[in-house]
Amino acid sequence: MTKPKLDGMLLASTDPERLHAWYAALDPEEDSKVDSYRVLKFGGFHLLIDSREDIGGGNPEPGRMIVNFDVTDVRAIAERLDGMGTRWLAEIEDRDGSLFATAIDPDGNYVQFIQLSEEHRAAM
């Protein structure tokens, strides 16, 4: 038996088109629609966006699960999201040469962007 592999996550929203537009601005490798799902592929990870009737309009506990993106230019991502009116939990912060920023998506979820320095990447 092979070991489980984390392949993706479902983000449910009362406004899936708005949420899709926000994540699509991150320039996924693939962006498709399968039935009612919007499927965005980032690396080997699939982000599925759909609606559900058992959720509210915003995430009441956004720190419970944070989506992390490994990026090569966090400043370019921040500029693009600023142009969309994105709110930030944490602006770009330099942590010993690596850059971190945490945005709040339209549904209130925390989304962290990490630009690791070559030193930190080598240490991993």
PDB file of N, CA and C in Angstrom:
ATOM      1  N   MET A   1       0.844  -1.183   0.000  1.00  0.00           N
ATOM      2  CA  MET A   1       0.000   0.000   0.000  1.00  0.00           C
ATOM      3  C   MET A   1       0.890   1.247   0.000  1.00  0.00           C
ATOM      4  N   THR A   2       0.569   2.199  -0.843  1.00  0.00           N
ATOM      5  CA  THR A   2       1.336   3.435  -0.881  1.00  0.00           C
ATOM      6  C   THR A   2       0.860   4.376   0.217  1.00  0.00           C
ATOM      7  N   LYS A   3       1.741   5.248   0.608  1.00  0.00           N
ATOM      8  CA  LYS A   3       1.405   6.221   1.645  1.00  0.00           C
ATOM      9  C   LYS A   3       0.520   7.322   1.067  1.00  0.00           C
ATOM     10  N   PRO A   4      -0.344   7.898   1.900  1.00  0.00           N
ATOM     11  CA  PRO A   4      -1.196   8.985   1.418  1.00  0.00           C
ATOM     12  C   PRO A   4      -0.353  10.177   0.969  1.00  0.00           C
ATOM     13  N   LYS A   5      -0.866  10.893  -0.009  1.00  0.00           N
ATOM     14  CA  LYS A   5      -0.200  12.083  -0.528  1.00  0.00           C
ATOM     15  C   LYS A   5      -1.204  13.225  -0.488  1.00  0.00           C
ATOM     16  N   LEU A   6      -0.828  14.311   0.146  1.00  0.00           N
ATOM     17  CA  LEU A   6      -1.712  15.476   0.179  1.00  0.00           C
ATOM     18  C   LEU A   6      -1.731  16.093  -1.216  1.00  0.00           C
ATOM     19  N   ASP A   7      -2.910  16.147  -1.808  1.00  0.00           N
ATOM     20  CA  ASP A   7      -3.043  16.569  -3.196  1.00  0.00           C
ATOM     21  C   ASP A   7      -3.741  17.910  -3.341  1.00  0.00           C
ATOM     22  N   GLY A   8      -4.577  18.278  -2.373  1.00  0.00           N
ATOM     23  CA  GLY A   8      -5.302  19.521  -2.533  1.00  0.00           C
ATOM     24  C   GLY A   8      -6.224  19.792  -1.365  1.00  0.00           C
ATOM     25  N   MET A   9      -6.998  20.852  -1.521  1.00  0.00           N
ATOM     26  CA  MET A   9      -7.978  21.196  -0.504  1.00  0.00           C
ATOM     27  C   MET A   9      -9.169  21.858  -1.162  1.00  0.00           C
ATOM     28  N   LEU A  10     -10.308  21.754  -0.506  1.00  0.00           N
ATOM     29  CA  LEU A  10     -11.527  22.393  -0.952  1.00  0.00           C
ATOM     30  C   LEU A  10     -11.735  23.657  -0.134  1.00  0.00           C
ATOM     31  N   LEU A  11     -11.922  24.761  -0.809  1.00  0.00           N
ATOM     32  CA  LEU A  11     -12.299  26.010  -0.166  1.00  0.00           C
ATOM     33  C   LEU A  11     -13.737  26.277  -0.556  1.00  0.00           C
ATOM     34  N   ALA A  12     -14.622  26.211   0.422  1.00  0.00           N
ATOM     35  CA  ALA A  12     -16.031  26.472   0.169  1.00  0.00           C
ATOM     36  C   ALA A  12     -16.317  27.945   0.413  1.00  0.00           C
ATOM     37  N   SER A  13     -17.238  28.486  -0.356  1.00  0.00           N
ATOM     38  CA  SER A  13     -17.539  29.907  -0.273  1.00  0.00           C
ATOM     39  C   SER A  13     -19.000  30.156  -0.618  1.00  0.00           C
ATOM     40  N   THR A  14     -19.550  31.215  -0.041  1.00  0.00           N
ATOM     41  CA  THR A  14     -20.885  31.636  -0.449  1.00  0.00           C
ATOM     42  C   THR A  14     -20.809  32.421  -1.755  1.00  0.00           C
ATOM     43  N   ASP A  15     -19.600  32.817  -2.156  1.00  0.00           N
ATOM     44  CA  ASP A  15     -19.373  33.524  -3.412  1.00  0.00           C
ATOM     45  C   ASP A  15     -18.138  32.929  -4.097  1.00  0.00           C
ATOM     46  N   PRO A  16     -18.275  31.705  -4.650  1.00  0.00           N
ATOM     47  CA  PRO A  16     -17.114  31.024  -5.216  1.00  0.00           C
ATOM     48  C   PRO A  16     -16.476  31.751  -6.400  1.00  0.00           C
ATOM     49  N   GLU A  17     -17.249  32.499  -7.168  1.00  0.00           N
ATOM     50  CA  GLU A  17     -16.648  33.220  -8.308  1.00  0.00           C
ATOM     51  C   GLU A  17     -15.716  34.331  -7.829  1.00  0.00           C
ATOM     52  N   ARG A  18     -16.129  35.041  -6.776  1.00  0.00           N
ATOM     53  CA  ARG A  18     -15.267  36.094  -6.217  1.00  0.00           C
ATOM     54  C   ARG A  18     -13.981  35.477  -5.654  1.00  0.00           C
ATOM     55  N   LEU A  19     -14.116  34.370  -4.928  1.00  0.00           N
ATOM     56  CA  LEU A  19     -12.953  33.707  -4.349  1.00  0.00           C
ATOM     57  C   LEU A  19     -12.046  33.161  -5.454  1.00  0.00           C
ATOM     58  N   HIS A  20     -12.646  32.591  -6.484  1.00  0.00           N
ATOM     59  CA  HIS A  20     -11.859  32.093  -7.611  1.00  0.00           C
ATOM     60  C   HIS A  20     -11.054  33.218  -8.258  1.00  0.00           C
ATOM     61  N   ALA A  21     -11.667  34.361  -8.474  1.00  0.00           N
ATOM     62  CA  ALA A  21     -10.970  35.482  -9.112  1.00  0.00           C
ATOM     63  C   ALA A  21      -9.750  35.906  -8.292  1.00  0.00           C
ATOM     64  N   TRP A  22      -9.878  35.883  -6.979  1.00  0.00           N
ATOM     65  CA  TRP A  22      -8.768  36.288  -6.107  1.00  0.00           C
ATOM     66  C   TRP A  22      -7.604  35.308  -6.233  1.00  0.00           C
ATOM     67  N   TYR A  23      -7.889  34.006  -6.138  1.00  0.00           N
ATOM     68  CA  TYR A  23      -6.823  33.002  -6.240  1.00  0.00           C
ATOM     69  C   TYR A  23      -6.272  32.899  -7.665  1.00  0.00           C
ATOM     70  N   ALA A  24      -7.115  33.137  -8.656  1.00  0.00           N
ATOM     71  CA  ALA A  24      -6.641  33.105 -10.051  1.00  0.00           C
ATOM     72  C   ALA A  24      -5.630  34.225 -10.307  1.00  0.00           C
ATOM     73  N   ALA A  25      -5.712  35.317  -9.547  1.00  0.00           N
ATOM     74  CA  ALA A  25      -4.747  36.412  -9.694  1.00  0.00           C
ATOM     75  C   ALA A  25      -3.345  35.992  -9.279  1.00  0.00           C
ATOM     76  N   LEU A  26      -3.226  34.852  -8.619  1.00  0.00           N
ATOM     77  CA  LEU A  26      -1.906  34.346  -8.222  1.00  0.00           C
ATOM     78  C   LEU A  26      -1.234  33.578  -9.352  1.00  0.00           C
ATOM     79  N   ASP A  27      -1.876  33.503 -10.501  1.00  0.00           N
ATOM     80  CA  ASP A  27      -1.318  32.888 -11.705  1.00  0.00           C
ATOM     81  C   ASP A  27      -1.049  31.389 -11.540  1.00  0.00           C
ATOM     82  N   PRO A  28      -2.110  30.599 -11.328  1.00  0.00           N
ATOM     83  CA  PRO A  28      -1.916  29.153 -11.185  1.00  0.00           C
ATOM     84  C   PRO A  28      -1.448  28.523 -12.490  1.00  0.00           C
ATOM     85  N   GLU A  29      -0.862  27.343 -12.375  1.00  0.00           N
ATOM     86  CA  GLU A  29      -0.421  26.608 -13.565  1.00  0.00           C
ATOM     87  C   GLU A  29      -1.612  26.159 -14.398  1.00  0.00           C
ATOM     88  N   GLU A  30      -2.699  25.833 -13.727  1.00  0.00           N
ATOM     89  CA  GLU A  30      -3.921  25.421 -14.407  1.00  0.00           C
ATOM     90  C   GLU A  30      -5.107  26.077 -13.719  1.00  0.00           C
ATOM     91  N   ASP A  31      -6.122  26.384 -14.500  1.00  0.00           N
ATOM     92  CA  ASP A  31      -7.354  26.977 -13.985  1.00  0.00           C
ATOM     93  C   ASP A  31      -8.486  26.412 -14.823  1.00  0.00           C
ATOM     94  N   SER A  32      -9.249  25.506 -14.231  1.00  0.00           N
ATOM     95  CA  SER A  32     -10.315  24.863 -14.994  1.00  0.00           C
ATOM     96  C   SER A  32     -11.596  24.812 -14.185  1.00  0.00           C
ATOM     97  N   LYS A  33     -12.646  24.423 -14.858  1.00  0.00           N
ATOM     98  CA  LYS A  33     -13.938  24.255 -14.205  1.00  0.00           C
ATOM     99  C   LYS A  33     -14.379  22.816 -14.448  1.00  0.00           C
ATOM    100  N   VAL A  34     -14.653  22.107 -13.354  1.00  0.00           N
ATOM    101  CA  VAL A  34     -15.115  20.728 -13.426  1.00  0.00           C
ATOM    102  C   VAL A  34     -16.424  20.663 -12.655  1.00  0.00           C
ATOM    103  N   ASP A  35     -17.512  20.461 -13.387  1.00  0.00           N
ATOM    104  CA  ASP A  35     -18.850  20.532 -12.801  1.00  0.00           C
ATOM    105  C   ASP A  35     -18.998  21.903 -12.141  1.00  0.00           C
ATOM    106  N   SER A  36     -19.305  21.939 -10.852  1.00  0.00           N
ATOM    107  CA  SER A  36     -19.463  23.237 -10.187  1.00  0.00           C
ATOM    108  C   SER A  36     -18.165  23.719  -9.543  1.00  0.00           C
ATOM    109  N   TYR A  37     -17.118  22.923  -9.611  1.00  0.00           N
ATOM    110  CA  TYR A  37     -15.848  23.268  -8.972  1.00  0.00           C
ATOM    111  C   TYR A  37     -14.954  24.108  -9.873  1.00  0.00           C
ATOM    112  N   ARG A  38     -14.309  25.104  -9.297  1.00  0.00           N
ATOM    113  CA  ARG A  38     -13.188  25.781  -9.950  1.00  0.00           C
ATOM    114  C   ARG A  38     -11.957  25.075  -9.419  1.00  0.00           C
ATOM    115  N   VAL A  39     -11.090  24.626 -10.290  1.00  0.00           N
ATOM    116  CA  VAL A  39      -9.898  23.876  -9.898  1.00  0.00           C
ATOM    117  C   VAL A  39      -8.671  24.654 -10.347  1.00  0.00           C
ATOM    118  N   LEU A  40      -7.872  25.053  -9.367  1.00  0.00           N
ATOM    119  CA  LEU A  40      -6.635  25.776  -9.637  1.00  0.00           C
ATOM    120  C   LEU A  40      -5.480  24.890  -9.194  1.00  0.00           C
ATOM    121  N   LYS A  41      -4.480  24.772 -10.036  1.00  0.00           N
ATOM    122  CA  LYS A  41      -3.324  23.933  -9.706  1.00  0.00           C
ATOM    123  C   LYS A  41      -2.116  24.823  -9.479  1.00  0.00           C
ATOM    124  N   PHE A  42      -1.527  24.681  -8.310  1.00  0.00           N
ATOM    125  CA  PHE A  42      -0.310  25.395  -7.936  1.00  0.00           C
ATOM    126  C   PHE A  42       0.732  24.327  -7.610  1.00  0.00           C
ATOM    127  N   GLY A  43       1.751  24.175  -8.455  1.00  0.00           N
ATOM    128  CA  GLY A  43       2.693  23.080  -8.256  1.00  0.00           C
ATOM    129  C   GLY A  43       1.926  21.781  -8.381  1.00  0.00           C
ATOM    130  N   GLY A  44       2.113  20.881  -7.451  1.00  0.00           N
ATOM    131  CA  GLY A  44       1.375  19.618  -7.466  1.00  0.00           C
ATOM    132  C   GLY A  44       0.133  19.653  -6.596  1.00  0.00           C
ATOM    133  N   PHE A  45      -0.276  20.849  -6.181  1.00  0.00           N
ATOM    134  CA  PHE A  45      -1.378  21.003  -5.234  1.00  0.00           C
ATOM    135  C   PHE A  45      -2.595  21.587  -5.943  1.00  0.00           C
ATOM    136  N   HIS A  46      -3.754  20.980  -5.714  1.00  0.00           N
ATOM    137  CA  HIS A  46      -5.000  21.439  -6.325  1.00  0.00           C
ATOM    138  C   HIS A  46      -5.854  22.174  -5.303  1.00  0.00           C
ATOM    139  N   LEU A  47      -6.269  23.362  -5.654  1.00  0.00           N
ATOM    140  CA  LEU A  47      -7.183  24.151  -4.829  1.00  0.00           C
ATOM    141  C   LEU A  47      -8.533  24.126  -5.527  1.00  0.00           C
ATOM    142  N   LEU A  48      -9.519  23.517  -4.873  1.00  0.00           N
ATOM    143  CA  LEU A  48     -10.867  23.421  -5.430  1.00  0.00           C
ATOM    144  C   LEU A  48     -11.741  24.439  -4.729  1.00  0.00           C
ATOM    145  N   ILE A  49     -12.478  25.208  -5.490  1.00  0.00           N
ATOM    146  CA  ILE A  49     -13.357  26.230  -4.932  1.00  0.00           C
ATOM    147  C   ILE A  49     -14.778  25.892  -5.348  1.00  0.00           C
ATOM    148  N   ASP A  50     -15.662  25.863  -4.371  1.00  0.00           N
ATOM    149  CA  ASP A  50     -17.056  25.506  -4.620  1.00  0.00           C
ATOM    150  C   ASP A  50     -17.929  26.198  -3.580  1.00  0.00           C
ATOM    151  N   SER A  51     -19.211  26.077  -3.738  1.00  0.00           N
ATOM    152  CA  SER A  51     -20.132  26.633  -2.742  1.00  0.00           C
ATOM    153  C   SER A  51     -20.671  25.489  -1.885  1.00  0.00           C
ATOM    154  N   ARG A  52     -21.118  25.855  -0.700  1.00  0.00           N
ATOM    155  CA  ARG A  52     -21.758  24.904   0.211  1.00  0.00           C
ATOM    156  C   ARG A  52     -22.850  25.654   0.935  1.00  0.00           C
ATOM    157  N   GLU A  53     -23.857  24.927   1.360  1.00  0.00           N
ATOM    158  CA  GLU A  53     -24.966  25.563   2.067  1.00  0.00           C
ATOM    159  C   GLU A  53     -24.788  25.579   3.578  1.00  0.00           C
ATOM    160  N   ASP A  54     -23.765  24.904   4.079  1.00  0.00           N
ATOM    161  CA  ASP A  54     -23.579  24.806   5.527  1.00  0.00           C
ATOM    162  C   ASP A  54     -22.499  25.750   6.053  1.00  0.00           C
ATOM    163  N   ILE A  55     -22.198  26.820   5.315  1.00  0.00           N
ATOM    164  CA  ILE A  55     -21.179  27.770   5.759  1.00  0.00           C
ATOM    165  C   ILE A  55     -21.736  29.189   5.742  1.00  0.00           C
ATOM    166  N   GLY A  56     -21.076  30.067   6.488  1.00  0.00           N
ATOM    167  CA  GLY A  56     -21.435  31.471   6.495  1.00  0.00           C
ATOM    168  C   GLY A  56     -20.605  32.242   5.485  1.00  0.00           C
ATOM    169  N   GLY A  57     -20.795  33.547   5.462  1.00  0.00           N
ATOM    170  CA  GLY A  57     -20.121  34.396   4.496  1.00  0.00           C
ATOM    171  C   GLY A  57     -18.639  34.593   4.727  1.00  0.00           C
ATOM    172  N   GLY A  58     -18.178  34.463   5.963  1.00  0.00           N
ATOM    173  CA  GLY A  58     -16.759  34.667   6.256  1.00  0.00           C
ATOM    174  C   GLY A  58     -16.264  33.644   7.257  1.00  0.00           C
ATOM    175  N   ASN A  59     -14.981  33.398   7.244  1.00  0.00           N
ATOM    176  CA  ASN A  59     -14.373  32.422   8.131  1.00  0.00           C
ATOM    177  C   ASN A  59     -14.256  33.004   9.543  1.00  0.00           C
ATOM    178  N   PRO A  60     -14.937  32.423  10.534  1.00  0.00           N
ATOM    179  CA  PRO A  60     -14.894  32.976  11.885  1.00  0.00           C
ATOM    180  C   PRO A  60     -13.596  32.665  12.631  1.00  0.00           C
ATOM    181  N   GLU A  61     -12.816  31.690  12.169  1.00  0.00           N
ATOM    182  CA  GLU A  61     -11.556  31.318  12.818  1.00  0.00           C
ATOM    183  C   GLU A  61     -10.467  31.132  11.759  1.00  0.00           C
ATOM    184  N   PRO A  62     -10.041  32.216  11.108  1.00  0.00           N
ATOM    185  CA  PRO A  62      -9.115  32.094   9.988  1.00  0.00           C
ATOM    186  C   PRO A  62      -7.728  31.585  10.356  1.00  0.00           C
ATOM    187  N   GLY A  63      -7.351  31.650  11.614  1.00  0.00           N
ATOM    188  CA  GLY A  63      -6.042  31.152  12.010  1.00  0.00           C
ATOM    189  C   GLY A  63      -5.986  29.651  12.177  1.00  0.00           C
ATOM    190  N   ARG A  64      -7.136  28.997  12.077  1.00  0.00           N
ATOM    191  CA  ARG A  64      -7.182  27.541  12.263  1.00  0.00           C
ATOM    192  C   ARG A  64      -6.399  26.809  11.176  1.00  0.00           C
ATOM    193  N   MET A  65      -6.464  27.292   9.954  1.00  0.00           N
ATOM    194  CA  MET A  65      -5.720  26.684   8.854  1.00  0.00           C
ATOM    195  C   MET A  65      -5.266  27.805   7.925  1.00  0.00           C
ATOM    196  N   ILE A  66      -3.982  27.874   7.678  1.00  0.00           N
ATOM    197  CA  ILE A  66      -3.427  28.926   6.847  1.00  0.00           C
ATOM    198  C   ILE A  66      -2.862  28.298   5.578  1.00  0.00           C
ATOM    199  N   VAL A  67      -3.261  28.824   4.434  1.00  0.00           N
ATOM    200  CA  VAL A  67      -2.749  28.355   3.155  1.00  0.00           C
ATOM    201  C   VAL A  67      -1.399  29.038   2.925  1.00  0.00           C
ATOM    202  N   ASN A  68      -0.359  28.253   2.650  1.00  0.00           N
ATOM    203  CA  ASN A  68       0.984  28.794   2.423  1.00  0.00           C
ATOM    204  C   ASN A  68       1.383  28.635   0.960  1.00  0.00           C
ATOM    205  N   PHE A  69       1.885  29.716   0.389  1.00  0.00           N
ATOM    206  CA  PHE A  69       2.411  29.686  -0.970  1.00  0.00           C
ATOM    207  C   PHE A  69       3.902  29.976  -0.925  1.00  0.00           C
ATOM    208  N   ASP A  70       4.694  29.135  -1.575  1.00  0.00           N
ATOM    209  CA  ASP A  70       6.123  29.363  -1.770  1.00  0.00           C
ATOM    210  C   ASP A  70       6.245  30.198  -3.044  1.00  0.00           C
ATOM    211  N   VAL A  71       6.781  31.412  -2.929  1.00  0.00           N
ATOM    212  CA  VAL A  71       6.850  32.314  -4.081  1.00  0.00           C
ATOM    213  C   VAL A  71       8.286  32.793  -4.305  1.00  0.00           C
ATOM    214  N   THR A  72       8.556  33.232  -5.523  1.00  0.00           N
ATOM    215  CA  THR A  72       9.886  33.761  -5.837  1.00  0.00           C
ATOM    216  C   THR A  72       9.955  35.270  -5.717  1.00  0.00           C
ATOM    217  N   ASP A  73       8.798  35.943  -5.716  1.00  0.00           N
ATOM    218  CA  ASP A  73       8.789  37.409  -5.610  1.00  0.00           C
ATOM    219  C   ASP A  73       7.567  37.854  -4.810  1.00  0.00           C
ATOM    220  N   VAL A  74       7.720  37.886  -3.500  1.00  0.00           N
ATOM    221  CA  VAL A  74       6.592  38.229  -2.630  1.00  0.00           C
ATOM    222  C   VAL A  74       6.132  39.666  -2.862  1.00  0.00           C
ATOM    223  N   ARG A  75       7.045  40.540  -3.231  1.00  0.00           N
ATOM    224  CA  ARG A  75       6.656  41.944  -3.473  1.00  0.00           C
ATOM    225  C   ARG A  75       5.740  42.066  -4.690  1.00  0.00           C
ATOM    226  N   ALA A  76       5.996  41.304  -5.732  1.00  0.00           N
ATOM    227  CA  ALA A  76       5.137  41.331  -6.919  1.00  0.00           C
ATOM    228  C   ALA A  76       3.752  40.786  -6.590  1.00  0.00           C
ATOM    229  N   ILE A  77       3.695  39.726  -5.795  1.00  0.00           N
ATOM    230  CA  ILE A  77       2.406  39.164  -5.377  1.00  0.00           C
ATOM    231  C   ILE A  77       1.640  40.204  -4.565  1.00  0.00           C
ATOM    232  N   ALA A  78       2.322  40.846  -3.608  1.00  0.00           N
ATOM    233  CA  ALA A  78       1.668  41.847  -2.756  1.00  0.00           C
ATOM    234  C   ALA A  78       1.143  43.009  -3.592  1.00  0.00           C
ATOM    235  N   GLU A  79       1.910  43.443  -4.573  1.00  0.00           N
ATOM    236  CA  GLU A  79       1.470  44.553  -5.431  1.00  0.00           C
ATOM    237  C   GLU A  79       0.217  44.169  -6.217  1.00  0.00           C
ATOM    238  N   ARG A  80       0.208  42.949  -6.753  1.00  0.00           N
ATOM    239  CA  ARG A  80      -0.948  42.474  -7.512  1.00  0.00           C
ATOM    240  C   ARG A  80      -2.190  42.415  -6.619  1.00  0.00           C
ATOM    241  N   LEU A  81      -2.029  41.877  -5.408  1.00  0.00           N
ATOM    242  CA  LEU A  81      -3.165  41.752  -4.494  1.00  0.00           C
ATOM    243  C   LEU A  81      -3.603  43.111  -3.951  1.00  0.00           C
ATOM    244  N   ASP A  82      -2.649  44.022  -3.747  1.00  0.00           N
ATOM    245  CA  ASP A  82      -3.012  45.381  -3.332  1.00  0.00           C
ATOM    246  C   ASP A  82      -3.920  46.032  -4.368  1.00  0.00           C
ATOM    247  N   GLY A  83      -3.642  45.773  -5.647  1.00  0.00           N
ATOM    248  CA  GLY A  83      -4.459  46.316  -6.726  1.00  0.00           C
ATOM    249  C   GLY A  83      -5.877  45.792  -6.713  1.00  0.00           C
ATOM    250  N   MET A  84      -6.102  44.680  -6.001  1.00  0.00           N
ATOM    251  CA  MET A  84      -7.436  44.099  -5.885  1.00  0.00           C
ATOM    252  C   MET A  84      -8.105  44.512  -4.577  1.00  0.00           C
ATOM    253  N   GLY A  85      -7.438  45.367  -3.798  1.00  0.00           N
ATOM    254  CA  GLY A  85      -8.009  45.815  -2.535  1.00  0.00           C
ATOM    255  C   GLY A  85      -7.873  44.810  -1.401  1.00  0.00           C
ATOM    256  N   THR A  86      -6.891  43.941  -1.485  1.00  0.00           N
ATOM    257  CA  THR A  86      -6.686  42.913  -0.462  1.00  0.00           C
ATOM    258  C   THR A  86      -6.289  43.531   0.873  1.00  0.00           C
ATOM    259  N   ARG A  87      -6.852  42.971   1.927  1.00  0.00           N
ATOM    260  CA  ARG A  87      -6.442  43.347   3.287  1.00  0.00           C
ATOM    261  C   ARG A  87      -5.308  42.422   3.713  1.00  0.00           C
ATOM    262  N   TRP A  88      -4.436  42.936   4.573  1.00  0.00           N
ATOM    263  CA  TRP A  88      -3.277  42.180   5.023  1.00  0.00           C
ATOM    264  C   TRP A  88      -3.326  41.987   6.531  1.00  0.00           C
ATOM    265  N   LEU A  89      -3.106  40.773   6.962  1.00  0.00           N
ATOM    266  CA  LEU A  89      -2.930  40.492   8.378  1.00  0.00           C
ATOM    267  C   LEU A  89      -1.518  40.904   8.784  1.00  0.00           C
ATOM    268  N   ALA A  90      -0.554  40.611   7.916  1.00  0.00           N
ATOM    269  CA  ALA A  90       0.848  40.961   8.162  1.00  0.00           C
ATOM    270  C   ALA A  90       1.475  41.402   6.848  1.00  0.00           C
ATOM    271  N   GLU A  91       1.930  42.629   6.801  1.00  0.00           N
ATOM    272  CA  GLU A  91       2.638  43.147   5.622  1.00  0.00           C
ATOM    273  C   GLU A  91       3.945  42.366   5.446  1.00  0.00           C
ATOM    274  N   ILE A  92       4.644  42.607   4.356  1.00  0.00           N
ATOM    275  CA  ILE A  92       5.903  41.912   4.089  1.00  0.00           C
ATOM    276  C   ILE A  92       6.876  42.147   5.239  1.00  0.00           C
ATOM    277  N   GLU A  93       7.405  41.058   5.729  1.00  0.00           N
ATOM    278  CA  GLU A  93       8.345  41.103   6.853  1.00  0.00           C
ATOM    279  C   GLU A  93       9.593  40.295   6.488  1.00  0.00           C
ATOM    280  N   ASP A  94      10.744  40.866   6.740  1.00  0.00           N
ATOM    281  CA  ASP A  94      12.013  40.182   6.509  1.00  0.00           C
ATOM    282  C   ASP A  94      12.377  39.416   7.774  1.00  0.00           C
ATOM    283  N   ARG A  95      12.481  38.108   7.650  1.00  0.00           N
ATOM    284  CA  ARG A  95      12.865  37.252   8.777  1.00  0.00           C
ATOM    285  C   ARG A  95      14.197  36.598   8.443  1.00  0.00           C
ATOM    286  N   ASP A  96      15.259  37.280   8.817  1.00  0.00           N
ATOM    287  CA  ASP A  96      16.624  36.788   8.571  1.00  0.00           C
ATOM    288  C   ASP A  96      16.869  36.464   7.102  1.00  0.00           C
ATOM    289  N   GLY A  97      16.387  37.317   6.216  1.00  0.00           N
ATOM    290  CA  GLY A  97      16.638  37.152   4.785  1.00  0.00           C
ATOM    291  C   GLY A  97      15.506  36.519   4.007  1.00  0.00           C
ATOM    292  N   SER A  98      14.564  35.877   4.682  1.00  0.00           N
ATOM    293  CA  SER A  98      13.388  35.328   4.016  1.00  0.00           C
ATOM    294  C   SER A  98      12.233  36.300   4.220  1.00  0.00           C
ATOM    295  N   LEU A  99      11.374  36.410   3.213  1.00  0.00           N
ATOM    296  CA  LEU A  99      10.264  37.356   3.270  1.00  0.00           C
ATOM    297  C   LEU A  99       8.950  36.618   3.474  1.00  0.00           C
ATOM    298  N   PHE A 100       8.127  37.151   4.381  1.00  0.00           N
ATOM    299  CA  PHE A 100       6.824  36.575   4.706  1.00  0.00           C
ATOM    300  C   PHE A 100       5.773  37.676   4.658  1.00  0.00           C
ATOM    301  N   ALA A 101       4.583  37.339   4.192  1.00  0.00           N
ATOM    302  CA  ALA A 101       3.439  38.253   4.229  1.00  0.00           C
ATOM    303  C   ALA A 101       2.182  37.400   4.326  1.00  0.00           C
ATOM    304  N   THR A 102       1.190  37.884   5.083  1.00  0.00           N
ATOM    305  CA  THR A 102      -0.055  37.135   5.224  1.00  0.00           C
ATOM    306  C   THR A 102      -1.224  38.008   4.800  1.00  0.00           C
ATOM    307  N   ALA A 103      -1.885  37.570   3.732  1.00  0.00           N
ATOM    308  CA  ALA A 103      -3.046  38.265   3.190  1.00  0.00           C
ATOM    309  C   ALA A 103      -4.318  37.640   3.756  1.00  0.00           C
ATOM    310  N   ILE A 104      -5.411  38.359   3.599  1.00  0.00           N
ATOM    311  CA  ILE A 104      -6.726  37.851   3.977  1.00  0.00           C
ATOM    312  C   ILE A 104      -7.548  37.771   2.690  1.00  0.00           C
ATOM    313  N   ASP A 105      -7.924  36.549   2.301  1.00  0.00           N
ATOM    314  CA  ASP A 105      -8.674  36.402   1.053  1.00  0.00           C
ATOM    315  C   ASP A 105     -10.098  36.954   1.232  1.00  0.00           C
ATOM    316  N   PRO A 106     -10.881  37.039   0.170  1.00  0.00           N
ATOM    317  CA  PRO A 106     -12.218  37.650   0.267  1.00  0.00           C
ATOM    318  C   PRO A 106     -13.170  36.988   1.262  1.00  0.00           C
ATOM    319  N   ASP A 107     -12.918  35.732   1.620  1.00  0.00           N
ATOM    320  CA  ASP A 107     -13.765  35.046   2.592  1.00  0.00           C
ATOM    321  C   ASP A 107     -13.198  35.097   4.009  1.00  0.00           C
ATOM    322  N   GLY A 108     -12.074  35.790   4.172  1.00  0.00           N
ATOM    323  CA  GLY A 108     -11.488  35.941   5.493  1.00  0.00           C
ATOM    324  C   GLY A 108     -10.447  34.903   5.857  1.00  0.00           C
ATOM    325  N   ASN A 109     -10.083  34.021   4.924  1.00  0.00           N
ATOM    326  CA  ASN A 109      -9.046  33.025   5.184  1.00  0.00           C
ATOM    327  C   ASN A 109      -7.671  33.680   5.138  1.00  0.00           C
ATOM    328  N   TYR A 110      -6.746  33.193   5.964  1.00  0.00           N
ATOM    329  CA  TYR A 110      -5.380  33.697   5.941  1.00  0.00           C
ATOM    330  C   TYR A 110      -4.587  32.941   4.876  1.00  0.00           C
ATOM    331  N   VAL A 111      -3.841  33.706   4.079  1.00  0.00           N
ATOM    332  CA  VAL A 111      -3.025  33.140   3.016  1.00  0.00           C
ATOM    333  C   VAL A 111      -1.634  33.740   3.150  1.00  0.00           C
ATOM    334  N   GLN A 112      -0.667  32.874   3.428  1.00  0.00           N
ATOM    335  CA  GLN A 112       0.696  33.336   3.677  1.00  0.00           C
ATOM    336  C   GLN A 112       1.566  33.114   2.443  1.00  0.00           C
ATOM    337  N   PHE A 113       2.362  34.121   2.130  1.00  0.00           N
ATOM    338  CA  PHE A 113       3.294  34.055   1.013  1.00  0.00           C
ATOM    339  C   PHE A 113       4.702  34.068   1.585  1.00  0.00           C
ATOM    340  N   ILE A 114       5.494  33.094   1.179  1.00  0.00           N
ATOM    341  CA  ILE A 114       6.828  32.913   1.736  1.00  0.00           C
ATOM    342  C   ILE A 114       7.849  32.903   0.607  1.00  0.00           C
ATOM    343  N   GLN A 115       8.813  33.794   0.704  1.00  0.00           N
ATOM    344  CA  GLN A 115       9.939  33.837  -0.231  1.00  0.00           C
ATOM    345  C   GLN A 115      11.184  33.512   0.584  1.00  0.00           C
ATOM    346  N   LEU A 116      11.580  32.232   0.538  1.00  0.00           N
ATOM    347  CA  LEU A 116      12.722  31.794   1.330  1.00  0.00           C
ATOM    348  C   LEU A 116      14.036  32.256   0.700  1.00  0.00           C
ATOM    349  N   SER A 117      14.963  32.631   1.571  1.00  0.00           N
ATOM    350  CA  SER A 117      16.302  32.974   1.097  1.00  0.00           C
ATOM    351  C   SER A 117      17.002  31.689   0.664  1.00  0.00           C
ATOM    352  N   GLU A 118      18.051  31.823  -0.114  1.00  0.00           N
ATOM    353  CA  GLU A 118      18.826  30.665  -0.540  1.00  0.00           C
ATOM    354  C   GLU A 118      19.406  29.934   0.683  1.00  0.00           C
ATOM    355  N   GLU A 119      19.815  30.694   1.691  1.00  0.00           N
ATOM    356  CA  GLU A 119      20.354  30.087   2.922  1.00  0.00           C
ATOM    357  C   GLU A 119      19.312  29.226   3.619  1.00  0.00           C
ATOM    358  N   HIS A 120      18.098  29.761   3.773  1.00  0.00           N
ATOM    359  CA  HIS A 120      17.049  28.985   4.440  1.00  0.00           C
ATOM    360  C   HIS A 120      16.640  27.778   3.604  1.00  0.00           C
ATOM    361  N   ARG A 121      16.612  27.942   2.303  1.00  0.00           N
ATOM    362  CA  ARG A 121      16.269  26.816   1.417  1.00  0.00           C
ATOM    363  C   ARG A 121      17.314  25.696   1.541  1.00  0.00           C
ATOM    364  N   ALA A 122      18.579  26.093   1.586  1.00  0.00           N
ATOM    365  CA  ALA A 122      19.669  25.098   1.700  1.00  0.00           C
ATOM    366  C   ALA A 122      19.614  24.392   3.053  1.00  0.00           C
ATOM    367  N   ALA A 123      19.191  25.093   4.096  1.00  0.00           N
ATOM    368  CA  ALA A 123      19.126  24.500   5.434  1.00  0.00           C
ATOM    369  C   ALA A 123      17.988  23.494   5.561  1.00  0.00           C
ATOM    370  N   MET A 124      17.012  23.573   4.675  1.00  0.00           N
ATOM    371  CA  MET A 124      15.880  22.650   4.743  1.00  0.00           C
ATOM    372  C   MET A 124      16.315  21.300   4.222  1.00  0.00           C
TER     373      MET A 124
END
